[in-house]
Amino acid sequence: MGLFNSKSQKPRSFNHQYIYVNKRKEKLDEMEEAAKREMGIAPPKENNRDYIHGAFVQVTKHLRKRKENPSSRYRLLIVPALLLLLYLLNFLMTGSWVF
């Protein structure tokens, strides 16, 4: 009978209190930075996407090689294109699609 009791206790809700975060101080810092940007004291905020992407590229070896040698990317396109051209040339010479 206790299984269908509608007055059963609910589990305690999760309440996480941040220890090392001061939201008030962060908000004040953001407001101060925005005011400095408005007055022209601080440089305008830049998009950090390129900086973050560049940081990952510089750290990883395979991405750095890919960035230094972009011609290796085109090999994947050139080789199938050449094979297709050879196949079409074969069709024009023999008149059949069979190799």
C-alpha atoms as a PDB file:
ATOM      1  CA  MET A   1       0.000   0.000   0.000  1.00  0.00           C
ATOM      2  CA  GLY A   2       2.948   2.333   0.522  1.00  0.00           C
ATOM      3  CA  LEU A   3       3.824   2.189  -3.179  1.00  0.00           C
ATOM      4  CA  PHE A   4       0.781   4.157  -4.267  1.00  0.00           C
ATOM      5  CA  ASN A   5       0.864   6.759  -1.528  1.00  0.00           C
ATOM      6  CA  SER A   6       0.569  10.199  -3.193  1.00  0.00           C
ATOM      7  CA  LYS A   7       2.127  11.950  -0.216  1.00  0.00           C
ATOM      8  CA  SER A   8       5.532  10.316  -0.625  1.00  0.00           C
ATOM      9  CA  GLN A   9       8.601  12.431  -0.087  1.00  0.00           C
ATOM     10  CA  LYS A  10      10.292  13.933  -3.127  1.00  0.00           C
ATOM     11  CA  PRO A  11      14.045  13.656  -3.500  1.00  0.00           C
ATOM     12  CA  ARG A  12      16.103  16.596  -2.377  1.00  0.00           C
ATOM     13  CA  SER A  13      16.853  18.972  -5.272  1.00  0.00           C
ATOM     14  CA  PHE A  14      20.390  19.584  -6.450  1.00  0.00           C
ATOM     15  CA  ASN A  15      21.841  22.882  -5.262  1.00  0.00           C
ATOM     16  CA  HIS A  16      25.399  23.597  -6.329  1.00  0.00           C
ATOM     17  CA  GLN A  17      27.081  26.629  -4.810  1.00  0.00           C
ATOM     18  CA  TYR A  18      30.129  27.897  -6.691  1.00  0.00           C
ATOM     19  CA  ILE A  19      33.136  28.324  -4.452  1.00  0.00           C
ATOM     20  CA  TYR A  20      35.667  30.126  -6.652  1.00  0.00           C
ATOM     21  CA  VAL A  21      33.319  32.303  -8.714  1.00  0.00           C
ATOM     22  CA  ASN A  22      32.324  35.824  -7.766  1.00  0.00           C
ATOM     23  CA  LYS A  23      29.517  36.781 -10.156  1.00  0.00           C
ATOM     24  CA  ARG A  24      29.304  40.316  -8.806  1.00  0.00           C
ATOM     25  CA  LYS A  25      32.974  40.953  -9.465  1.00  0.00           C
ATOM     26  CA  GLU A  26      32.747  39.460 -12.980  1.00  0.00           C
ATOM     27  CA  LYS A  27      29.731  41.632 -13.789  1.00  0.00           C
ATOM     28  CA  LEU A  28      31.530  44.752 -12.513  1.00  0.00           C
ATOM     29  CA  ASP A  29      34.621  43.882 -14.569  1.00  0.00           C
ATOM     30  CA  GLU A  30      32.507  43.429 -17.709  1.00  0.00           C
ATOM     31  CA  MET A  31      30.757  46.745 -17.112  1.00  0.00           C
ATOM     32  CA  GLU A  32      34.090  48.486 -16.529  1.00  0.00           C
ATOM     33  CA  GLU A  33      35.560  46.990 -19.696  1.00  0.00           C
ATOM     34  CA  ALA A  34      32.502  48.021 -21.732  1.00  0.00           C
ATOM     35  CA  ALA A  35      32.744  51.576 -20.383  1.00  0.00           C
ATOM     36  CA  LYS A  36      36.452  51.745 -21.267  1.00  0.00           C
ATOM     37  CA  ARG A  37      35.687  50.528 -24.789  1.00  0.00           C
ATOM     38  CA  GLU A  38      32.934  53.151 -25.106  1.00  0.00           C
ATOM     39  CA  MET A  39      35.280  55.929 -24.034  1.00  0.00           C
ATOM     40  CA  GLY A  40      38.011  54.680 -26.351  1.00  0.00           C
ATOM     41  CA  ILE A  41      40.505  53.815 -23.633  1.00  0.00           C
ATOM     42  CA  ALA A  42      40.481  50.068 -24.240  1.00  0.00           C
ATOM     43  CA  PRO A  43      40.744  48.511 -27.718  1.00  0.00           C
ATOM     44  CA  PRO A  44      37.512  47.105 -29.180  1.00  0.00           C
ATOM     45  CA  LYS A  45      36.693  43.521 -28.341  1.00  0.00           C
ATOM     46  CA  GLU A  46      37.858  41.169 -31.074  1.00  0.00           C
ATOM     47  CA  ASN A  47      36.390  37.896 -32.196  1.00  0.00           C
ATOM     48  CA  ASN A  48      38.437  35.238 -30.422  1.00  0.00           C
ATOM     49  CA  ARG A  49      37.410  32.459 -32.819  1.00  0.00           C
ATOM     50  CA  ASP A  50      40.479  32.937 -35.022  1.00  0.00           C
ATOM     51  CA  TYR A  51      42.774  33.147 -32.025  1.00  0.00           C
ATOM     52  CA  ILE A  52      41.357  29.963 -30.515  1.00  0.00           C
ATOM     53  CA  HIS A  53      41.522  28.130 -33.840  1.00  0.00           C
ATOM     54  CA  GLY A  54      45.107  29.290 -34.315  1.00  0.00           C
ATOM     55  CA  ALA A  55      46.032  28.080 -30.850  1.00  0.00           C
ATOM     56  CA  PHE A  56      44.767  24.583 -31.600  1.00  0.00           C
ATOM     57  CA  VAL A  57      46.514  24.532 -34.974  1.00  0.00           C
ATOM     58  CA  GLN A  58      49.840  25.525 -33.449  1.00  0.00           C
ATOM     59  CA  VAL A  59      49.658  22.833 -30.786  1.00  0.00           C
ATOM     60  CA  THR A  60      48.654  19.853 -32.893  1.00  0.00           C
ATOM     61  CA  LYS A  61      51.219  18.511 -35.304  1.00  0.00           C
ATOM     62  CA  HIS A  62      48.891  17.156 -37.984  1.00  0.00           C
ATOM     63  CA  LEU A  63      46.905  20.422 -38.226  1.00  0.00           C
ATOM     64  CA  ARG A  64      50.099  22.453 -38.452  1.00  0.00           C
ATOM     65  CA  LYS A  65      51.338  20.296 -41.342  1.00  0.00           C
ATOM     66  CA  ARG A  66      47.996  20.617 -43.100  1.00  0.00           C
ATOM     67  CA  LYS A  67      48.096  24.396 -42.774  1.00  0.00           C
ATOM     68  CA  GLU A  68      51.691  24.595 -44.050  1.00  0.00           C
ATOM     69  CA  ASN A  69      51.031  22.337 -47.051  1.00  0.00           C
ATOM     70  CA  PRO A  70      47.580  23.074 -48.506  1.00  0.00           C
ATOM     71  CA  SER A  71      48.369  21.306 -51.806  1.00  0.00           C
ATOM     72  CA  SER A  72      47.963  17.916 -50.136  1.00  0.00           C
ATOM     73  CA  ARG A  73      44.234  18.646 -49.787  1.00  0.00           C
ATOM     74  CA  TYR A  74      43.817  18.962 -53.521  1.00  0.00           C
ATOM     75  CA  ARG A  75      45.296  15.529 -54.204  1.00  0.00           C
ATOM     76  CA  LEU A  76      42.043  13.999 -53.068  1.00  0.00           C
ATOM     77  CA  LEU A  77      40.283  15.967 -55.795  1.00  0.00           C
ATOM     78  CA  ILE A  78      42.884  15.679 -58.546  1.00  0.00           C
ATOM     79  CA  VAL A  79      43.342  11.897 -58.518  1.00  0.00           C
ATOM     80  CA  PRO A  80      39.624  11.018 -58.948  1.00  0.00           C
ATOM     81  CA  ALA A  81      39.259  13.742 -61.587  1.00  0.00           C
ATOM     82  CA  LEU A  82      42.153  12.261 -63.579  1.00  0.00           C
ATOM     83  CA  LEU A  83      40.664   8.777 -63.297  1.00  0.00           C
ATOM     84  CA  LEU A  84      37.332  10.098 -64.546  1.00  0.00           C
ATOM     85  CA  LEU A  85      39.023  11.812 -67.486  1.00  0.00           C
ATOM     86  CA  LEU A  86      40.869   8.606 -68.383  1.00  0.00           C
ATOM     87  CA  TYR A  87      37.582   6.706 -68.230  1.00  0.00           C
ATOM     88  CA  LEU A  88      35.909   9.253 -70.539  1.00  0.00           C
ATOM     89  CA  LEU A  89      38.899   9.142 -72.917  1.00  0.00           C
ATOM     90  CA  ASN A  90      38.585   5.353 -73.009  1.00  0.00           C
ATOM     91  CA  PHE A  91      34.890   5.715 -73.909  1.00  0.00           C
ATOM     92  CA  LEU A  92      35.672   8.155 -76.705  1.00  0.00           C
ATOM     93  CA  MET A  93      38.370   5.861 -78.128  1.00  0.00           C
ATOM     94  CA  THR A  94      36.525   2.521 -77.881  1.00  0.00           C
ATOM     95  CA  GLY A  95      32.874   3.578 -77.893  1.00  0.00           C
ATOM     96  CA  SER A  96      31.937   1.402 -74.896  1.00  0.00           C
ATOM     97  CA  TRP A  97      31.780   2.124 -71.174  1.00  0.00           C
ATOM     98  CA  VAL A  98      33.503  -1.147 -70.270  1.00  0.00           C
ATOM     99  CA  PHE A  99      37.169  -0.821 -69.426  1.00  0.00           C
END
